[in-house]
Amino acid sequence: MVRRYVKAYLSLIGIIAACVGVSVAQGAGWRPALAGMPLYVIVFGGITYQLIREIVNLKKQEREHRASAETKEY
């Protein structure tokens, strides 16, 4: 799970770097790349949301597993 989200965050950094690289290569500097900031924030939020959802689901499954293991003991 951690590996997948590290890749996702690194991919986001790669997207931003590519946009800045193209902007700088065209001679416009890095400031025009800021126009994509809403997209970057949305993608970052989406990755973070999925990460949090997955952590919550894992904790929920762990609790359910422990509860079912406790009932089997009796």
PDB file of N, CA and C in Angstrom:
ATOM      1  N   MET A   1       0.830  -1.183   0.000  1.00  0.00           N
ATOM      2  CA  MET A   1       0.000   0.000   0.000  1.00  0.00           C
ATOM      3  C   MET A   1       0.882   1.257   0.000  1.00  0.00           C
ATOM      4  N   VAL A   2       1.888   1.268   0.837  1.00  0.00           N
ATOM      5  CA  VAL A   2       2.751   2.440   0.934  1.00  0.00           C
ATOM      6  C   VAL A   2       3.449   2.690  -0.394  1.00  0.00           C
ATOM      7  N   ARG A   3       3.905   1.620  -1.020  1.00  0.00           N
ATOM      8  CA  ARG A   3       4.615   1.751  -2.291  1.00  0.00           C
ATOM      9  C   ARG A   3       3.717   2.391  -3.359  1.00  0.00           C
ATOM     10  N   ARG A   4       2.455   2.003  -3.361  1.00  0.00           N
ATOM     11  CA  ARG A   4       1.520   2.536  -4.354  1.00  0.00           C
ATOM     12  C   ARG A   4       1.318   4.042  -4.171  1.00  0.00           C
ATOM     13  N   TYR A   5       1.192   4.485  -2.914  1.00  0.00           N
ATOM     14  CA  TYR A   5       0.952   5.905  -2.683  1.00  0.00           C
ATOM     15  C   TYR A   5       2.219   6.733  -2.837  1.00  0.00           C
ATOM     16  N   VAL A   6       3.365   6.141  -2.568  1.00  0.00           N
ATOM     17  CA  VAL A   6       4.621   6.852  -2.844  1.00  0.00           C
ATOM     18  C   VAL A   6       4.729   7.078  -4.347  1.00  0.00           C
ATOM     19  N   LYS A   7       4.387   6.065  -5.129  1.00  0.00           N
ATOM     20  CA  LYS A   7       4.406   6.213  -6.589  1.00  0.00           C
ATOM     21  C   LYS A   7       3.415   7.288  -7.044  1.00  0.00           C
ATOM     22  N   ALA A   8       2.247   7.318  -6.427  1.00  0.00           N
ATOM     23  CA  ALA A   8       1.236   8.301  -6.810  1.00  0.00           C
ATOM     24  C   ALA A   8       1.721   9.723  -6.530  1.00  0.00           C
ATOM     25  N   TYR A   9       2.292   9.941  -5.332  1.00  0.00           N
ATOM     26  CA  TYR A   9       2.795  11.278  -5.009  1.00  0.00           C
ATOM     27  C   TYR A   9       3.990  11.650  -5.886  1.00  0.00           C
ATOM     28  N   LEU A  10       4.864  10.690  -6.179  1.00  0.00           N
ATOM     29  CA  LEU A  10       5.987  10.974  -7.070  1.00  0.00           C
ATOM     30  C   LEU A  10       5.505  11.275  -8.491  1.00  0.00           C
ATOM     31  N   SER A  11       4.445  10.609  -8.915  1.00  0.00           N
ATOM     32  CA  SER A  11       3.875  10.902 -10.235  1.00  0.00           C
ATOM     33  C   SER A  11       3.323  12.318 -10.289  1.00  0.00           C
ATOM     34  N   LEU A  12       2.691  12.748  -9.211  1.00  0.00           N
ATOM     35  CA  LEU A  12       2.193  14.120  -9.154  1.00  0.00           C
ATOM     36  C   LEU A  12       3.347  15.109  -9.246  1.00  0.00           C
ATOM     37  N   ILE A  13       4.422  14.826  -8.537  1.00  0.00           N
ATOM     38  CA  ILE A  13       5.602  15.701  -8.617  1.00  0.00           C
ATOM     39  C   ILE A  13       6.152  15.699 -10.037  1.00  0.00           C
ATOM     40  N   GLY A  14       6.117  14.546 -10.697  1.00  0.00           N
ATOM     41  CA  GLY A  14       6.571  14.454 -12.085  1.00  0.00           C
ATOM     42  C   GLY A  14       5.707  15.269 -13.028  1.00  0.00           C
ATOM     43  N   ILE A  15       4.399  15.257 -12.805  1.00  0.00           N
ATOM     44  CA  ILE A  15       3.489  16.054 -13.638  1.00  0.00           C
ATOM     45  C   ILE A  15       3.817  17.537 -13.489  1.00  0.00           C
ATOM     46  N   ILE A  16       3.990  17.958 -12.253  1.00  0.00           N
ATOM     47  CA  ILE A  16       4.310  19.370 -11.994  1.00  0.00           C
ATOM     48  C   ILE A  16       5.656  19.723 -12.618  1.00  0.00           C
ATOM     49  N   ALA A  17       6.644  18.840 -12.447  1.00  0.00           N
ATOM     50  CA  ALA A  17       7.974  19.102 -13.009  1.00  0.00           C
ATOM     51  C   ALA A  17       7.922  19.176 -14.534  1.00  0.00           C
ATOM     52  N   ALA A  18       7.125  18.326 -15.149  1.00  0.00           N
ATOM     53  CA  ALA A  18       7.005  18.357 -16.609  1.00  0.00           C
ATOM     54  C   ALA A  18       6.379  19.666 -17.071  1.00  0.00           C
ATOM     55  N   CYS A  19       5.348  20.129 -16.382  1.00  0.00           N
ATOM     56  CA  CYS A  19       4.713  21.400 -16.754  1.00  0.00           C
ATOM     57  C   CYS A  19       5.678  22.564 -16.585  1.00  0.00           C
ATOM     58  N   VAL A  20       6.404  22.567 -15.489  1.00  0.00           N
ATOM     59  CA  VAL A  20       7.390  23.638 -15.260  1.00  0.00           C
ATOM     60  C   VAL A  20       8.506  23.538 -16.289  1.00  0.00           C
ATOM     61  N   GLY A  21       8.937  22.318 -16.594  1.00  0.00           N
ATOM     62  CA  GLY A  21       9.997  22.129 -17.588  1.00  0.00           C
ATOM     63  C   GLY A  21       9.603  22.636 -18.965  1.00  0.00           C
ATOM     64  N   VAL A  22       8.388  22.339 -19.377  1.00  0.00           N
ATOM     65  CA  VAL A  22       7.917  22.824 -20.680  1.00  0.00           C
ATOM     66  C   VAL A  22       7.827  24.348 -20.676  1.00  0.00           C
ATOM     67  N   SER A  23       7.328  24.894 -19.583  1.00  0.00           N
ATOM     68  CA  SER A  23       7.197  26.345 -19.481  1.00  0.00           C
ATOM     69  C   SER A  23       8.565  27.024 -19.549  1.00  0.00           C
ATOM     70  N   VAL A  24       9.517  26.477 -18.831  1.00  0.00           N
ATOM     71  CA  VAL A  24      10.867  27.057 -18.834  1.00  0.00           C
ATOM     72  C   VAL A  24      11.518  26.858 -20.195  1.00  0.00           C
ATOM     73  N   ALA A  25      11.319  25.710 -20.824  1.00  0.00           N
ATOM     74  CA  ALA A  25      11.904  25.440 -22.137  1.00  0.00           C
ATOM     75  C   ALA A  25      11.360  26.395 -23.201  1.00  0.00           C
ATOM     76  N   GLN A  26      10.131  26.824 -23.045  1.00  0.00           N
ATOM     77  CA  GLN A  26       9.536  27.761 -23.997  1.00  0.00           C
ATOM     78  C   GLN A  26       9.964  29.192 -23.715  1.00  0.00           C
ATOM     79  N   GLY A  27      10.714  29.392 -22.626  1.00  0.00           N
ATOM     80  CA  GLY A  27      11.216  30.713 -22.305  1.00  0.00           C
ATOM     81  C   GLY A  27      10.260  31.555 -21.481  1.00  0.00           C
ATOM     82  N   ALA A  28       9.205  30.971 -20.965  1.00  0.00           N
ATOM     83  CA  ALA A  28       8.211  31.734 -20.218  1.00  0.00           C
ATOM     84  C   ALA A  28       8.507  31.758 -18.718  1.00  0.00           C
ATOM     85  N   GLY A  29       9.441  30.938 -18.267  1.00  0.00           N
ATOM     86  CA  GLY A  29       9.726  30.881 -16.831  1.00  0.00           C
ATOM     87  C   GLY A  29       8.790  29.920 -16.125  1.00  0.00           C
ATOM     88  N   TRP A  30       8.866  29.899 -14.809  1.00  0.00           N
ATOM     89  CA  TRP A  30       8.077  28.937 -14.045  1.00  0.00           C
ATOM     90  C   TRP A  30       6.710  29.478 -13.638  1.00  0.00           C
ATOM     91  N   ARG A  31       6.524  30.783 -13.683  1.00  0.00           N
ATOM     92  CA  ARG A  31       5.259  31.355 -13.212  1.00  0.00           C
ATOM     93  C   ARG A  31       4.028  30.940 -14.025  1.00  0.00           C
ATOM     94  N   PRO A  32       4.103  30.829 -15.346  1.00  0.00           N
ATOM     95  CA  PRO A  32       2.910  30.368 -16.074  1.00  0.00           C
ATOM     96  C   PRO A  32       2.479  28.953 -15.683  1.00  0.00           C
ATOM     97  N   ALA A  33       3.412  28.150 -15.179  1.00  0.00           N
ATOM     98  CA  ALA A  33       3.056  26.790 -14.750  1.00  0.00           C
ATOM     99  C   ALA A  33       2.145  26.831 -13.534  1.00  0.00           C
ATOM    100  N   LEU A  34       2.098  27.949 -12.844  1.00  0.00           N
ATOM    101  CA  LEU A  34       1.210  28.082 -11.690  1.00  0.00           C
ATOM    102  C   LEU A  34      -0.257  28.089 -12.100  1.00  0.00           C
ATOM    103  N   ALA A  35      -0.530  28.286 -13.366  1.00  0.00           N
ATOM    104  CA  ALA A  35      -1.911  28.263 -13.852  1.00  0.00           C
ATOM    105  C   ALA A  35      -2.536  26.883 -13.641  1.00  0.00           C
ATOM    106  N   GLY A  36      -1.702  25.871 -13.582  1.00  0.00           N
ATOM    107  CA  GLY A  36      -2.195  24.518 -13.355  1.00  0.00           C
ATOM    108  C   GLY A  36      -2.368  24.173 -11.889  1.00  0.00           C
ATOM    109  N   MET A  37      -2.140  25.134 -11.011  1.00  0.00           N
ATOM    110  CA  MET A  37      -2.204  24.878  -9.574  1.00  0.00           C
ATOM    111  C   MET A  37      -3.537  24.261  -9.118  1.00  0.00           C
ATOM    112  N   PRO A  38      -4.692  24.718  -9.607  1.00  0.00           N
ATOM    113  CA  PRO A  38      -5.942  24.058  -9.180  1.00  0.00           C
ATOM    114  C   PRO A  38      -5.967  22.563  -9.514  1.00  0.00           C
ATOM    115  N   LEU A  39      -5.428  22.206 -10.666  1.00  0.00           N
ATOM    116  CA  LEU A  39      -5.369  20.796 -11.048  1.00  0.00           C
ATOM    117  C   LEU A  39      -4.443  20.034 -10.113  1.00  0.00           C
ATOM    118  N   TYR A  40      -3.288  20.606  -9.809  1.00  0.00           N
ATOM    119  CA  TYR A  40      -2.341  19.948  -8.919  1.00  0.00           C
ATOM    120  C   TYR A  40      -2.969  19.721  -7.541  1.00  0.00           C
ATOM    121  N   VAL A  41      -3.680  20.711  -7.060  1.00  0.00           N
ATOM    122  CA  VAL A  41      -4.313  20.600  -5.738  1.00  0.00           C
ATOM    123  C   VAL A  41      -5.411  19.540  -5.753  1.00  0.00           C
ATOM    124  N   ILE A  42      -6.183  19.494  -6.819  1.00  0.00           N
ATOM    125  CA  ILE A  42      -7.249  18.496  -6.928  1.00  0.00           C
ATOM    126  C   ILE A  42      -6.668  17.087  -6.971  1.00  0.00           C
ATOM    127  N   VAL A  43      -5.619  16.892  -7.747  1.00  0.00           N
ATOM    128  CA  VAL A  43      -4.993  15.571  -7.828  1.00  0.00           C
ATOM    129  C   VAL A  43      -4.379  15.189  -6.479  1.00  0.00           C
ATOM    130  N   PHE A  44      -3.697  16.127  -5.828  1.00  0.00           N
ATOM    131  CA  PHE A  44      -3.131  15.873  -4.507  1.00  0.00           C
ATOM    132  C   PHE A  44      -4.236  15.493  -3.515  1.00  0.00           C
ATOM    133  N   GLY A  45      -5.323  16.227  -3.545  1.00  0.00           N
ATOM    134  CA  GLY A  45      -6.454  15.930  -2.665  1.00  0.00           C
ATOM    135  C   GLY A  45      -7.040  14.557  -2.949  1.00  0.00           C
ATOM    136  N   GLY A  46      -7.141  14.196  -4.210  1.00  0.00           N
ATOM    137  CA  GLY A  46      -7.673  12.887  -4.576  1.00  0.00           C
ATOM    138  C   GLY A  46      -6.791  11.749  -4.094  1.00  0.00           C
ATOM    139  N   ILE A  47      -5.489  11.906  -4.254  1.00  0.00           N
ATOM    140  CA  ILE A  47      -4.557  10.873  -3.785  1.00  0.00           C
ATOM    141  C   ILE A  47      -4.643  10.741  -2.267  1.00  0.00           C
ATOM    142  N   THR A  48      -4.660  11.881  -1.587  1.00  0.00           N
ATOM    143  CA  THR A  48      -4.715  11.877  -0.130  1.00  0.00           C
ATOM    144  C   THR A  48      -6.034  11.286   0.362  1.00  0.00           C
ATOM    145  N   TYR A  49      -7.127  11.632  -0.299  1.00  0.00           N
ATOM    146  CA  TYR A  49      -8.441  11.087   0.068  1.00  0.00           C
ATOM    147  C   TYR A  49      -8.450   9.569  -0.046  1.00  0.00           C
ATOM    148  N   GLN A  50      -7.929   9.051  -1.155  1.00  0.00           N
ATOM    149  CA  GLN A  50      -7.883   7.601  -1.342  1.00  0.00           C
ATOM    150  C   GLN A  50      -7.013   6.945  -0.283  1.00  0.00           C
ATOM    151  N   LEU A  51      -5.893   7.574   0.053  1.00  0.00           N
ATOM    152  CA  LEU A  51      -5.006   7.034   1.080  1.00  0.00           C
ATOM    153  C   LEU A  51      -5.723   6.952   2.423  1.00  0.00           C
ATOM    154  N   ILE A  52      -6.397   8.014   2.797  1.00  0.00           N
ATOM    155  CA  ILE A  52      -7.122   8.036   4.074  1.00  0.00           C
ATOM    156  C   ILE A  52      -8.240   7.001   4.075  1.00  0.00           C
ATOM    157  N   ARG A  53      -8.973   6.908   2.968  1.00  0.00           N
ATOM    158  CA  ARG A  53     -10.042   5.907   2.878  1.00  0.00           C
ATOM    159  C   ARG A  53      -9.506   4.497   3.044  1.00  0.00           C
ATOM    160  N   GLU A  54      -8.375   4.228   2.425  1.00  0.00           N
ATOM    161  CA  GLU A  54      -7.805   2.891   2.507  1.00  0.00           C
ATOM    162  C   GLU A  54      -7.313   2.588   3.925  1.00  0.00           C
ATOM    163  N   ILE A  55      -6.716   3.567   4.589  1.00  0.00           N
ATOM    164  CA  ILE A  55      -6.265   3.369   5.972  1.00  0.00           C
ATOM    165  C   ILE A  55      -7.457   3.105   6.884  1.00  0.00           C
ATOM    166  N   VAL A  56      -8.531   3.871   6.713  1.00  0.00           N
ATOM    167  CA  VAL A  56      -9.731   3.673   7.535  1.00  0.00           C
ATOM    168  C   VAL A  56     -10.315   2.286   7.293  1.00  0.00           C
ATOM    169  N   ASN A  57     -10.372   1.864   6.038  1.00  0.00           N
ATOM    170  CA  ASN A  57     -10.901   0.532   5.729  1.00  0.00           C
ATOM    171  C   ASN A  57     -10.033  -0.569   6.322  1.00  0.00           C
ATOM    172  N   LEU A  58      -8.714  -0.391   6.288  1.00  0.00           N
ATOM    173  CA  LEU A  58      -7.831  -1.395   6.874  1.00  0.00           C
ATOM    174  C   LEU A  58      -8.039  -1.499   8.381  1.00  0.00           C
ATOM    175  N   LYS A  59      -8.173  -0.356   9.038  1.00  0.00           N
ATOM    176  CA  LYS A  59      -8.409  -0.373  10.487  1.00  0.00           C
ATOM    177  C   LYS A  59      -9.752  -1.017  10.806  1.00  0.00           C
ATOM    178  N   LYS A  60     -10.760  -0.738   9.986  1.00  0.00           N
ATOM    179  CA  LYS A  60     -12.084  -1.315  10.183  1.00  0.00           C
ATOM    180  C   LYS A  60     -12.035  -2.836  10.025  1.00  0.00           C
ATOM    181  N   GLN A  61     -11.350  -3.300   8.994  1.00  0.00           N
ATOM    182  CA  GLN A  61     -11.217  -4.736   8.776  1.00  0.00           C
ATOM    183  C   GLN A  61     -10.450  -5.392   9.914  1.00  0.00           C
ATOM    184  N   GLU A  62      -9.432  -4.702  10.412  1.00  0.00           N
ATOM    185  CA  GLU A  62      -8.653  -5.242  11.524  1.00  0.00           C
ATOM    186  C   GLU A  62      -9.518  -5.392  12.775  1.00  0.00           C
ATOM    187  N   ARG A  63     -10.340  -4.377  13.048  1.00  0.00           N
ATOM    188  CA  ARG A  63     -11.244  -4.460  14.204  1.00  0.00           C
ATOM    189  C   ARG A  63     -12.226  -5.603  14.039  1.00  0.00           C
ATOM    190  N   GLU A  64     -12.799  -5.743  12.848  1.00  0.00           N
ATOM    191  CA  GLU A  64     -13.755  -6.818  12.591  1.00  0.00           C
ATOM    192  C   GLU A  64     -13.084  -8.179  12.724  1.00  0.00           C
ATOM    193  N   HIS A  65     -11.854  -8.275  12.247  1.00  0.00           N
ATOM    194  CA  HIS A  65     -11.118  -9.532  12.343  1.00  0.00           C
ATOM    195  C   HIS A  65     -10.859  -9.894  13.804  1.00  0.00           C
ATOM    196  N   ARG A  66     -10.443  -8.894  14.598  1.00  0.00           N
ATOM    197  CA  ARG A  66     -10.211  -9.130  16.020  1.00  0.00           C
ATOM    198  C   ARG A  66     -11.502  -9.522  16.732  1.00  0.00           C
ATOM    199  N   ALA A  67     -12.600  -8.853  16.383  1.00  0.00           N
ATOM    200  CA  ALA A  67     -13.883  -9.163  17.015  1.00  0.00           C
ATOM    201  C   ALA A  67     -14.337 -10.575  16.667  1.00  0.00           C
ATOM    202  N   SER A  68     -14.162 -10.977  15.430  1.00  0.00           N
ATOM    203  CA  SER A  68     -14.567 -12.327  15.046  1.00  0.00           C
ATOM    204  C   SER A  68     -13.644 -13.374  15.691  1.00  0.00           C
ATOM    205  N   ALA A  69     -12.372 -13.040  15.873  1.00  0.00           N
ATOM    206  CA  ALA A  69     -11.445 -13.962  16.514  1.00  0.00           C
ATOM    207  C   ALA A  69     -11.801 -14.121  17.997  1.00  0.00           C
ATOM    208  N   GLU A  70     -12.227 -13.051  18.629  1.00  0.00           N
ATOM    209  CA  GLU A  70     -12.624 -13.114  20.042  1.00  0.00           C
ATOM    210  C   GLU A  70     -13.888 -13.947  20.227  1.00  0.00           C
ATOM    211  N   THR A  71     -14.828 -13.839  19.298  1.00  0.00           N
ATOM    212  CA  THR A  71     -16.071 -14.623  19.415  1.00  0.00           C
ATOM    213  C   THR A  71     -15.807 -16.096  19.156  1.00  0.00           C
ATOM    214  N   LYS A  72     -14.823 -16.421  18.352  1.00  0.00           N
ATOM    215  CA  LYS A  72     -14.499 -17.815  18.083  1.00  0.00           C
ATOM    216  C   LYS A  72     -13.830 -18.475  19.278  1.00  0.00           C
ATOM    217  N   GLU A  73     -13.181 -17.680  20.109  1.00  0.00           N
ATOM    218  CA  GLU A  73     -12.517 -18.230  21.281  1.00  0.00           C
ATOM    219  C   GLU A  73     -13.519 -18.779  22.274  1.00  0.00           C
ATOM    220  N   TYR A  74     -14.680 -18.179  22.346  1.00  0.00           N
ATOM    221  CA  TYR A  74     -15.695 -18.610  23.303  1.00  0.00           C
ATOM    222  C   TYR A  74     -16.439 -19.735  22.744  1.00  0.00           C
TER     223      TYR A  74
END
